[in-house]
Amino acid sequence: MNYKNGKDVLPPNLLKELQHYIQGELLYIPKPHSERAAWGEKSGSRVMIKRRNEEILQHYVSGSSVQELERKYHLSSESIRKIIMKTRSANTAVHAP
């Protein structure tokens, strides 16, 4: 987040209007919702977790038990089961005719 002086970036009439509400303080102006990056898009976390979840499903389908996957991925059995169900249903939706 960058700091910018309002008088350098805002039209004078808008600056004057804003000064009625706030003076000499910092004001955060968020991006429009449509321009915000979704969680994990910039850091790559979203892609890494998706790959991990697909890998968990593949191991499960290939015969690994939930307990084995718990130990391998350091997740609870409930988390492993949720990942399997969610990833399986997402893959089914993609491959449906």
PDB file of N, CA and C in Angstrom:
ATOM      1  N   MET A   1       0.854  -1.162   0.000  1.00  0.00           N
ATOM      2  CA  MET A   1       0.000   0.000   0.000  1.00  0.00           C
ATOM      3  C   MET A   1       0.904   1.229   0.000  1.00  0.00           C
ATOM      4  N   ASN A   2       0.632   2.140  -0.883  1.00  0.00           N
ATOM      5  CA  ASN A   2       1.440   3.343  -1.012  1.00  0.00           C
ATOM      6  C   ASN A   2       0.722   4.541  -0.416  1.00  0.00           C
ATOM      7  N   TYR A   3       1.497   5.434   0.160  1.00  0.00           N
ATOM      8  CA  TYR A   3       0.963   6.688   0.679  1.00  0.00           C
ATOM      9  C   TYR A   3       1.072   7.736  -0.409  1.00  0.00           C
ATOM     10  N   LYS A   4      -0.008   8.452  -0.646  1.00  0.00           N
ATOM     11  CA  LYS A   4       0.003   9.538  -1.622  1.00  0.00           C
ATOM     12  C   LYS A   4      -0.693  10.740  -1.001  1.00  0.00           C
ATOM     13  N   ASN A   5      -0.191  11.910  -1.293  1.00  0.00           N
ATOM     14  CA  ASN A   5      -0.797  13.138  -0.809  1.00  0.00           C
ATOM     15  C   ASN A   5      -2.044  13.423  -1.643  1.00  0.00           C
ATOM     16  N   GLY A   6      -3.160  13.637  -0.973  1.00  0.00           N
ATOM     17  CA  GLY A   6      -4.424  13.871  -1.655  1.00  0.00           C
ATOM     18  C   GLY A   6      -4.382  15.038  -2.622  1.00  0.00           C
ATOM     19  N   LYS A   7      -3.650  16.094  -2.268  1.00  0.00           N
ATOM     20  CA  LYS A   7      -3.613  17.260  -3.166  1.00  0.00           C
ATOM     21  C   LYS A   7      -2.879  16.961  -4.464  1.00  0.00           C
ATOM     22  N   ASP A   8      -2.069  15.888  -4.461  1.00  0.00           N
ATOM     23  CA  ASP A   8      -1.340  15.518  -5.678  1.00  0.00           C
ATOM     24  C   ASP A   8      -2.151  14.617  -6.608  1.00  0.00           C
ATOM     25  N   VAL A   9      -3.186  13.964  -6.090  1.00  0.00           N
ATOM     26  CA  VAL A   9      -3.903  12.986  -6.915  1.00  0.00           C
ATOM     27  C   VAL A   9      -5.404  13.250  -7.048  1.00  0.00           C
ATOM     28  N   LEU A  10      -5.957  14.117  -6.225  1.00  0.00           N
ATOM     29  CA  LEU A  10      -7.405  14.362  -6.271  1.00  0.00           C
ATOM     30  C   LEU A  10      -7.709  15.731  -6.868  1.00  0.00           C
ATOM     31  N   PRO A  11      -8.825  15.849  -7.564  1.00  0.00           N
ATOM     32  CA  PRO A  11      -9.244  17.163  -8.045  1.00  0.00           C
ATOM     33  C   PRO A  11      -9.526  18.072  -6.836  1.00  0.00           C
ATOM     34  N   PRO A  12      -9.243  19.364  -6.955  1.00  0.00           N
ATOM     35  CA  PRO A  12      -9.397  20.283  -5.820  1.00  0.00           C
ATOM     36  C   PRO A  12     -10.786  20.246  -5.166  1.00  0.00           C
ATOM     37  N   ASN A  13     -11.845  20.154  -5.968  1.00  0.00           N
ATOM     38  CA  ASN A  13     -13.191  20.141  -5.380  1.00  0.00           C
ATOM     39  C   ASN A  13     -13.441  18.868  -4.565  1.00  0.00           C
ATOM     40  N   LEU A  14     -12.919  17.731  -5.007  1.00  0.00           N
ATOM     41  CA  LEU A  14     -13.071  16.487  -4.259  1.00  0.00           C
ATOM     42  C   LEU A  14     -12.236  16.534  -2.982  1.00  0.00           C
ATOM     43  N   LEU A  15     -11.032  17.086  -3.071  1.00  0.00           N
ATOM     44  CA  LEU A  15     -10.176  17.228  -1.893  1.00  0.00           C
ATOM     45  C   LEU A  15     -10.868  18.090  -0.836  1.00  0.00           C
ATOM     46  N   LYS A  16     -11.464  19.181  -1.272  1.00  0.00           N
ATOM     47  CA  LYS A  16     -12.166  20.078  -0.344  1.00  0.00           C
ATOM     48  C   LYS A  16     -13.345  19.359   0.310  1.00  0.00           C
ATOM     49  N   GLU A  17     -14.065  18.576  -0.457  1.00  0.00           N
ATOM     50  CA  GLU A  17     -15.202  17.815   0.080  1.00  0.00           C
ATOM     51  C   GLU A  17     -14.724  16.795   1.116  1.00  0.00           C
ATOM     52  N   LEU A  18     -13.644  16.095   0.817  1.00  0.00           N
ATOM     53  CA  LEU A  18     -13.102  15.120   1.771  1.00  0.00           C
ATOM     54  C   LEU A  18     -12.624  15.796   3.054  1.00  0.00           C
ATOM     55  N   GLN A  19     -12.107  17.010   2.931  1.00  0.00           N
ATOM     56  CA  GLN A  19     -11.623  17.727   4.115  1.00  0.00           C
ATOM     57  C   GLN A  19     -12.752  18.055   5.091  1.00  0.00           C
ATOM     58  N   HIS A  20     -13.983  18.047   4.630  1.00  0.00           N
ATOM     59  CA  HIS A  20     -15.124  18.241   5.541  1.00  0.00           C
ATOM     60  C   HIS A  20     -15.268  17.039   6.476  1.00  0.00           C
ATOM     61  N   TYR A  21     -14.848  15.867   6.033  1.00  0.00           N
ATOM     62  CA  TYR A  21     -15.023  14.632   6.796  1.00  0.00           C
ATOM     63  C   TYR A  21     -13.768  14.219   7.559  1.00  0.00           C
ATOM     64  N   ILE A  22     -12.614  14.457   6.970  1.00  0.00           N
ATOM     65  CA  ILE A  22     -11.365  14.008   7.587  1.00  0.00           C
ATOM     66  C   ILE A  22     -10.256  14.972   7.185  1.00  0.00           C
ATOM     67  N   GLN A  23      -9.451  15.392   8.175  1.00  0.00           N
ATOM     68  CA  GLN A  23      -8.364  16.337   7.907  1.00  0.00           C
ATOM     69  C   GLN A  23      -7.098  15.868   8.603  1.00  0.00           C
ATOM     70  N   GLY A  24      -6.001  15.845   7.893  1.00  0.00           N
ATOM     71  CA  GLY A  24      -4.709  15.537   8.481  1.00  0.00           C
ATOM     72  C   GLY A  24      -4.546  14.105   8.964  1.00  0.00           C
ATOM     73  N   GLU A  25      -5.401  13.201   8.517  1.00  0.00           N
ATOM     74  CA  GLU A  25      -5.301  11.797   8.914  1.00  0.00           C
ATOM     75  C   GLU A  25      -5.131  10.937   7.667  1.00  0.00           C
ATOM     76  N   LEU A  26      -4.702   9.712   7.891  1.00  0.00           N
ATOM     77  CA  LEU A  26      -4.573   8.775   6.775  1.00  0.00           C
ATOM     78  C   LEU A  26      -5.942   8.208   6.433  1.00  0.00           C
ATOM     79  N   LEU A  27      -6.192   8.044   5.169  1.00  0.00           N
ATOM     80  CA  LEU A  27      -7.459   7.498   4.696  1.00  0.00           C
ATOM     81  C   LEU A  27      -7.151   6.380   3.710  1.00  0.00           C
ATOM     82  N   TYR A  28      -7.690   5.204   3.972  1.00  0.00           N
ATOM     83  CA  TYR A  28      -7.503   4.066   3.069  1.00  0.00           C
ATOM     84  C   TYR A  28      -8.657   4.041   2.080  1.00  0.00           C
ATOM     85  N   ILE A  29      -8.343   3.986   0.803  1.00  0.00           N
ATOM     86  CA  ILE A  29      -9.364   3.886  -0.240  1.00  0.00           C
ATOM     87  C   ILE A  29      -9.171   2.533  -0.916  1.00  0.00           C
ATOM     88  N   PRO A  30     -10.073   1.576  -0.646  1.00  0.00           N
ATOM     89  CA  PRO A  30      -9.899   0.228  -1.200  1.00  0.00           C
ATOM     90  C   PRO A  30     -10.146   0.184  -2.700  1.00  0.00           C
ATOM     91  N   LYS A  31      -9.560  -0.828  -3.322  1.00  0.00           N
ATOM     92  CA  LYS A  31      -9.823  -1.080  -4.739  1.00  0.00           C
ATOM     93  C   LYS A  31     -11.270  -1.542  -4.880  1.00  0.00           C
ATOM     94  N   PRO A  32     -11.855  -1.350  -6.053  1.00  0.00           N
ATOM     95  CA  PRO A  32     -13.182  -1.937  -6.289  1.00  0.00           C
ATOM     96  C   PRO A  32     -13.095  -3.454  -6.139  1.00  0.00           C
ATOM     97  N   HIS A  33     -14.153  -4.059  -5.672  1.00  0.00           N
ATOM     98  CA  HIS A  33     -14.171  -5.498  -5.415  1.00  0.00           C
ATOM     99  C   HIS A  33     -13.755  -6.299  -6.649  1.00  0.00           C
ATOM    100  N   SER A  34     -14.136  -5.831  -7.828  1.00  0.00           N
ATOM    101  CA  SER A  34     -13.828  -6.562  -9.065  1.00  0.00           C
ATOM    102  C   SER A  34     -12.334  -6.586  -9.383  1.00  0.00           C
ATOM    103  N   GLU A  35     -11.552  -5.678  -8.808  1.00  0.00           N
ATOM    104  CA  GLU A  35     -10.119  -5.615  -9.095  1.00  0.00           C
ATOM    105  C   GLU A  35      -9.263  -6.295  -8.039  1.00  0.00           C
ATOM    106  N   ARG A  36      -9.876  -6.785  -6.973  1.00  0.00           N
ATOM    107  CA  ARG A  36      -9.119  -7.434  -5.905  1.00  0.00           C
ATOM    108  C   ARG A  36      -8.720  -8.844  -6.318  1.00  0.00           C
ATOM    109  N   ALA A  37      -7.542  -9.232  -5.915  1.00  0.00           N
ATOM    110  CA  ALA A  37      -7.092 -10.604  -6.158  1.00  0.00           C
ATOM    111  C   ALA A  37      -7.745 -11.508  -5.120  1.00  0.00           C
ATOM    112  N   ALA A  38      -8.156 -12.672  -5.528  1.00  0.00           N
ATOM    113  CA  ALA A  38      -8.732 -13.637  -4.596  1.00  0.00           C
ATOM    114  C   ALA A  38      -7.633 -14.185  -3.699  1.00  0.00           C
ATOM    115  N   TRP A  39      -8.045 -14.783  -2.575  1.00  0.00           N
ATOM    116  CA  TRP A  39      -7.086 -15.319  -1.629  1.00  0.00           C
ATOM    117  C   TRP A  39      -6.141 -16.290  -2.331  1.00  0.00           C
ATOM    118  N   GLY A  40      -4.854 -16.113  -2.093  1.00  0.00           N
ATOM    119  CA  GLY A  40      -3.852 -17.044  -2.587  1.00  0.00           C
ATOM    120  C   GLY A  40      -3.439 -16.874  -4.036  1.00  0.00           C
ATOM    121  N   GLU A  41      -4.029 -15.937  -4.750  1.00  0.00           N
ATOM    122  CA  GLU A  41      -3.674 -15.773  -6.167  1.00  0.00           C
ATOM    123  C   GLU A  41      -2.279 -15.190  -6.340  1.00  0.00           C
ATOM    124  N   LYS A  42      -1.942 -14.185  -5.559  1.00  0.00           N
ATOM    125  CA  LYS A  42      -0.631 -13.554  -5.708  1.00  0.00           C
ATOM    126  C   LYS A  42       0.491 -14.427  -5.169  1.00  0.00           C
ATOM    127  N   SER A  43       0.256 -15.077  -4.057  1.00  0.00           N
ATOM    128  CA  SER A  43       1.310 -15.870  -3.410  1.00  0.00           C
ATOM    129  C   SER A  43       1.473 -17.255  -4.028  1.00  0.00           C
ATOM    130  N   GLY A  44       0.467 -17.711  -4.765  1.00  0.00           N
ATOM    131  CA  GLY A  44       0.510 -19.052  -5.333  1.00  0.00           C
ATOM    132  C   GLY A  44      -0.031 -20.119  -4.395  1.00  0.00           C
ATOM    133  N   SER A  45      -0.486 -19.709  -3.210  1.00  0.00           N
ATOM    134  CA  SER A  45      -1.002 -20.672  -2.225  1.00  0.00           C
ATOM    135  C   SER A  45      -2.208 -21.437  -2.748  1.00  0.00           C
ATOM    136  N   ARG A  46      -3.070 -20.754  -3.462  1.00  0.00           N
ATOM    137  CA  ARG A  46      -4.276 -21.398  -3.983  1.00  0.00           C
ATOM    138  C   ARG A  46      -3.912 -22.570  -4.899  1.00  0.00           C
ATOM    139  N   VAL A  47      -2.954 -22.364  -5.775  1.00  0.00           N
ATOM    140  CA  VAL A  47      -2.531 -23.411  -6.713  1.00  0.00           C
ATOM    141  C   VAL A  47      -1.847 -24.553  -5.965  1.00  0.00           C
ATOM    142  N   MET A  48      -0.987 -24.205  -4.990  1.00  0.00           N
ATOM    143  CA  MET A  48      -0.288 -25.244  -4.224  1.00  0.00           C
ATOM    144  C   MET A  48      -1.269 -26.122  -3.456  1.00  0.00           C
ATOM    145  N   ILE A  49      -2.266 -25.521  -2.839  1.00  0.00           N
ATOM    146  CA  ILE A  49      -3.247 -26.294  -2.072  1.00  0.00           C
ATOM    147  C   ILE A  49      -4.099 -27.144  -3.001  1.00  0.00           C
ATOM    148  N   LYS A  50      -4.444 -26.598  -4.163  1.00  0.00           N
ATOM    149  CA  LYS A  50      -5.227 -27.382  -5.126  1.00  0.00           C
ATOM    150  C   LYS A  50      -4.443 -28.616  -5.571  1.00  0.00           C
ATOM    151  N   ARG A  51      -3.158 -28.433  -5.854  1.00  0.00           N
ATOM    152  CA  ARG A  51      -2.312 -29.569  -6.253  1.00  0.00           C
ATOM    153  C   ARG A  51      -2.205 -30.591  -5.126  1.00  0.00           C
ATOM    154  N   ARG A  52      -2.005 -30.093  -3.898  1.00  0.00           N
ATOM    155  CA  ARG A  52      -1.914 -30.997  -2.751  1.00  0.00           C
ATOM    156  C   ARG A  52      -3.192 -31.796  -2.597  1.00  0.00           C
ATOM    157  N   ASN A  53      -4.339 -31.132  -2.728  1.00  0.00           N
ATOM    158  CA  ASN A  53      -5.621 -31.815  -2.580  1.00  0.00           C
ATOM    159  C   ASN A  53      -5.830 -32.866  -3.667  1.00  0.00           C
ATOM    160  N   GLU A  54      -5.424 -32.553  -4.880  1.00  0.00           N
ATOM    161  CA  GLU A  54      -5.523 -33.532  -5.976  1.00  0.00           C
ATOM    162  C   GLU A  54      -4.615 -34.734  -5.693  1.00  0.00           C
ATOM    163  N   GLU A  55      -3.437 -34.438  -5.153  1.00  0.00           N
ATOM    164  CA  GLU A  55      -2.490 -35.499  -4.803  1.00  0.00           C
ATOM    165  C   GLU A  55      -3.068 -36.392  -3.699  1.00  0.00           C
ATOM    166  N   ILE A  56      -3.708 -35.781  -2.710  1.00  0.00           N
ATOM    167  CA  ILE A  56      -4.344 -36.548  -1.630  1.00  0.00           C
ATOM    168  C   ILE A  56      -5.404 -37.475  -2.207  1.00  0.00           C
ATOM    169  N   LEU A  57      -6.235 -36.953  -3.102  1.00  0.00           N
ATOM    170  CA  LEU A  57      -7.274 -37.777  -3.723  1.00  0.00           C
ATOM    171  C   LEU A  57      -6.649 -38.928  -4.508  1.00  0.00           C
ATOM    172  N   GLN A  58      -5.599 -38.644  -5.267  1.00  0.00           N
ATOM    173  CA  GLN A  58      -4.937 -39.696  -6.055  1.00  0.00           C
ATOM    174  C   GLN A  58      -4.392 -40.805  -5.155  1.00  0.00           C
ATOM    175  N   HIS A  59      -3.746 -40.416  -4.054  1.00  0.00           N
ATOM    176  CA  HIS A  59      -3.226 -41.414  -3.113  1.00  0.00           C
ATOM    177  C   HIS A  59      -4.363 -42.240  -2.525  1.00  0.00           C
ATOM    178  N   TYR A  60      -5.471 -41.572  -2.208  1.00  0.00           N
ATOM    179  CA  TYR A  60      -6.620 -42.262  -1.612  1.00  0.00           C
ATOM    180  C   TYR A  60      -7.217 -43.259  -2.607  1.00  0.00           C
ATOM    181  N   VAL A  61      -7.405 -42.813  -3.833  1.00  0.00           N
ATOM    182  CA  VAL A  61      -7.964 -43.671  -4.884  1.00  0.00           C
ATOM    183  C   VAL A  61      -7.024 -44.849  -5.164  1.00  0.00           C
ATOM    184  N   SER A  62      -5.726 -44.618  -5.016  1.00  0.00           N
ATOM    185  CA  SER A  62      -4.734 -45.673  -5.258  1.00  0.00           C
ATOM    186  C   SER A  62      -4.588 -46.632  -4.082  1.00  0.00           C
ATOM    187  N   GLY A  63      -5.345 -46.399  -3.006  1.00  0.00           N
ATOM    188  CA  GLY A  63      -5.334 -47.351  -1.902  1.00  0.00           C
ATOM    189  C   GLY A  63      -4.778 -46.867  -0.580  1.00  0.00           C
ATOM    190  N   SER A  64      -4.267 -45.652  -0.513  1.00  0.00           N
ATOM    191  CA  SER A  64      -3.778 -45.138   0.771  1.00  0.00           C
ATOM    192  C   SER A  64      -4.957 -44.921   1.709  1.00  0.00           C
ATOM    193  N   SER A  65      -4.755 -45.215   2.981  1.00  0.00           N
ATOM    194  CA  SER A  65      -5.826 -45.015   3.962  1.00  0.00           C
ATOM    195  C   SER A  65      -5.824 -43.564   4.441  1.00  0.00           C
ATOM    196  N   VAL A  66      -6.932 -43.166   5.047  1.00  0.00           N
ATOM    197  CA  VAL A  66      -7.040 -41.820   5.604  1.00  0.00           C
ATOM    198  C   VAL A  66      -5.946 -41.621   6.654  1.00  0.00           C
ATOM    199  N   GLN A  67      -5.686 -42.647   7.460  1.00  0.00           N
ATOM    200  CA  GLN A  67      -4.662 -42.550   8.502  1.00  0.00           C
ATOM    201  C   GLN A  67      -3.267 -42.330   7.899  1.00  0.00           C
ATOM    202  N   GLU A  68      -2.971 -42.999   6.805  1.00  0.00           N
ATOM    203  CA  GLU A  68      -1.678 -42.802   6.134  1.00  0.00           C
ATOM    204  C   GLU A  68      -1.561 -41.370   5.602  1.00  0.00           C
ATOM    205  N   LEU A  69      -2.656 -40.876   5.040  1.00  0.00           N
ATOM    206  CA  LEU A  69      -2.652 -39.519   4.494  1.00  0.00           C
ATOM    207  C   LEU A  69      -2.544 -38.473   5.600  1.00  0.00           C
ATOM    208  N   GLU A  70      -3.160 -38.755   6.750  1.00  0.00           N
ATOM    209  CA  GLU A  70      -3.028 -37.864   7.917  1.00  0.00           C
ATOM    210  C   GLU A  70      -1.557 -37.670   8.255  1.00  0.00           C
ATOM    211  N   ARG A  71      -0.850 -38.785   8.371  1.00  0.00           N
ATOM    212  CA  ARG A  71       0.566 -38.734   8.749  1.00  0.00           C
ATOM    213  C   ARG A  71       1.415 -38.057   7.664  1.00  0.00           C
ATOM    214  N   LYS A  72       1.132 -38.381   6.427  1.00  0.00           N
ATOM    215  CA  LYS A  72       1.937 -37.831   5.329  1.00  0.00           C
ATOM    216  C   LYS A  72       1.766 -36.316   5.189  1.00  0.00           C
ATOM    217  N   TYR A  73       0.524 -35.825   5.319  1.00  0.00           N
ATOM    218  CA  TYR A  73       0.244 -34.409   5.073  1.00  0.00           C
ATOM    219  C   TYR A  73       0.057 -33.592   6.350  1.00  0.00           C
ATOM    220  N   HIS A  74       0.173 -34.252   7.501  1.00  0.00           N
ATOM    221  CA  HIS A  74       0.038 -33.568   8.795  1.00  0.00           C
ATOM    222  C   HIS A  74      -1.301 -32.842   8.912  1.00  0.00           C
ATOM    223  N   LEU A  75      -2.361 -33.536   8.522  1.00  0.00           N
ATOM    224  CA  LEU A  75      -3.719 -33.012   8.604  1.00  0.00           C
ATOM    225  C   LEU A  75      -4.572 -33.976   9.417  1.00  0.00           C
ATOM    226  N   SER A  76      -5.681 -33.477   9.945  1.00  0.00           N
ATOM    227  CA  SER A  76      -6.590 -34.340  10.706  1.00  0.00           C
ATOM    228  C   SER A  76      -7.366 -35.245   9.752  1.00  0.00           C
ATOM    229  N   SER A  77      -7.913 -36.326  10.312  1.00  0.00           N
ATOM    230  CA  SER A  77      -8.699 -37.239   9.472  1.00  0.00           C
ATOM    231  C   SER A  77      -9.914 -36.518   8.902  1.00  0.00           C
ATOM    232  N   GLU A  78     -10.493 -35.622   9.689  1.00  0.00           N
ATOM    233  CA  GLU A  78     -11.645 -34.855   9.201  1.00  0.00           C
ATOM    234  C   GLU A  78     -11.243 -33.989   8.002  1.00  0.00           C
ATOM    235  N   SER A  79     -10.092 -33.345   8.081  1.00  0.00           N
ATOM    236  CA  SER A  79      -9.619 -32.521   6.958  1.00  0.00           C
ATOM    237  C   SER A  79      -9.366 -33.372   5.721  1.00  0.00           C
ATOM    238  N   ILE A  80      -8.738 -34.521   5.911  1.00  0.00           N
ATOM    239  CA  ILE A  80      -8.469 -35.422   4.779  1.00  0.00           C
ATOM    240  C   ILE A  80      -9.778 -35.844   4.123  1.00  0.00           C
ATOM    241  N   ARG A  81     -10.758 -36.229   4.936  1.00  0.00           N
ATOM    242  CA  ARG A  81     -12.059 -36.655   4.382  1.00  0.00           C
ATOM    243  C   ARG A  81     -12.739 -35.520   3.617  1.00  0.00           C
ATOM    244  N   LYS A  82     -12.698 -34.311   4.168  1.00  0.00           N
ATOM    245  CA  LYS A  82     -13.303 -33.159   3.482  1.00  0.00           C
ATOM    246  C   LYS A  82     -12.609 -32.901   2.146  1.00  0.00           C
ATOM    247  N   ILE A  83     -11.286 -32.979   2.159  1.00  0.00           N
ATOM    248  CA  ILE A  83     -10.522 -32.760   0.923  1.00  0.00           C
ATOM    249  C   ILE A  83     -10.885 -33.808  -0.117  1.00  0.00           C
ATOM    250  N   ILE A  84     -10.977 -35.060   0.301  1.00  0.00           N
ATOM    251  CA  ILE A  84     -11.323 -36.143  -0.631  1.00  0.00           C
ATOM    252  C   ILE A  84     -12.703 -35.903  -1.231  1.00  0.00           C
ATOM    253  N   MET A  85     -13.678 -35.596  -0.378  1.00  0.00           N
ATOM    254  CA  MET A  85     -15.053 -35.382  -0.862  1.00  0.00           C
ATOM    255  C   MET A  85     -15.131 -34.172  -1.791  1.00  0.00           C
ATOM    256  N   LYS A  86     -14.526 -33.072  -1.371  1.00  0.00           N
ATOM    257  CA  LYS A  86     -14.607 -31.840  -2.157  1.00  0.00           C
ATOM    258  C   LYS A  86     -13.868 -31.980  -3.492  1.00  0.00           C
ATOM    259  N   THR A  87     -12.678 -32.564  -3.461  1.00  0.00           N
ATOM    260  CA  THR A  87     -11.888 -32.719  -4.685  1.00  0.00           C
ATOM    261  C   THR A  87     -12.550 -33.707  -5.630  1.00  0.00           C
ATOM    262  N   ARG A  88     -13.094 -34.770  -5.068  1.00  0.00           N
ATOM    263  CA  ARG A  88     -13.789 -35.770  -5.893  1.00  0.00           C
ATOM    264  C   ARG A  88     -14.999 -35.135  -6.578  1.00  0.00           C
ATOM    265  N   SER A  89     -15.791 -34.359  -5.835  1.00  0.00           N
ATOM    266  CA  SER A  89     -16.985 -33.746  -6.440  1.00  0.00           C
ATOM    267  C   SER A  89     -16.595 -32.680  -7.460  1.00  0.00           C
ATOM    268  N   ALA A  90     -15.510 -31.947  -7.215  1.00  0.00           N
ATOM    269  CA  ALA A  90     -15.046 -30.947  -8.186  1.00  0.00           C
ATOM    270  C   ALA A  90     -14.589 -31.624  -9.473  1.00  0.00           C
ATOM    271  N   ASN A  91     -13.876 -32.741  -9.337  1.00  0.00           N
ATOM    272  CA  ASN A  91     -13.413 -33.478 -10.523  1.00  0.00           C
ATOM    273  C   ASN A  91     -14.585 -34.092 -11.281  1.00  0.00           C
ATOM    274  N   THR A  92     -15.593 -34.568 -10.565  1.00  0.00           N
ATOM    275  CA  THR A  92     -16.776 -35.146 -11.201  1.00  0.00           C
ATOM    276  C   THR A  92     -17.530 -34.078 -11.987  1.00  0.00           C
ATOM    277  N   ALA A  93     -17.634 -32.877 -11.404  1.00  0.00           N
ATOM    278  CA  ALA A  93     -18.340 -31.784 -12.075  1.00  0.00           C
ATOM    279  C   ALA A  93     -17.620 -31.371 -13.354  1.00  0.00           C
ATOM    280  N   VAL A  94     -16.299 -31.398 -13.340  1.00  0.00           N
ATOM    281  CA  VAL A  94     -15.508 -31.013 -14.516  1.00  0.00           C
ATOM    282  C   VAL A  94     -15.642 -32.042 -15.626  1.00  0.00           C
ATOM    283  N   HIS A  95     -15.683 -33.327 -15.255  1.00  0.00           N
ATOM    284  CA  HIS A  95     -15.717 -34.400 -16.251  1.00  0.00           C
ATOM    285  C   HIS A  95     -17.127 -34.847 -16.624  1.00  0.00           C
ATOM    286  N   ALA A  96     -18.150 -34.224 -16.062  1.00  0.00           N
ATOM    287  CA  ALA A  96     -19.531 -34.615 -16.373  1.00  0.00           C
ATOM    288  C   ALA A  96     -19.866 -34.232 -17.813  1.00  0.00           C
ATOM    289  N   PRO A  97     -20.698 -35.054 -18.484  1.00  0.00           N
ATOM    290  CA  PRO A  97     -21.049 -34.760 -19.886  1.00  0.00           C
ATOM    291  C   PRO A  97     -21.947 -33.559 -20.015  1.00  0.00           C
TER     292      PRO A  97
END
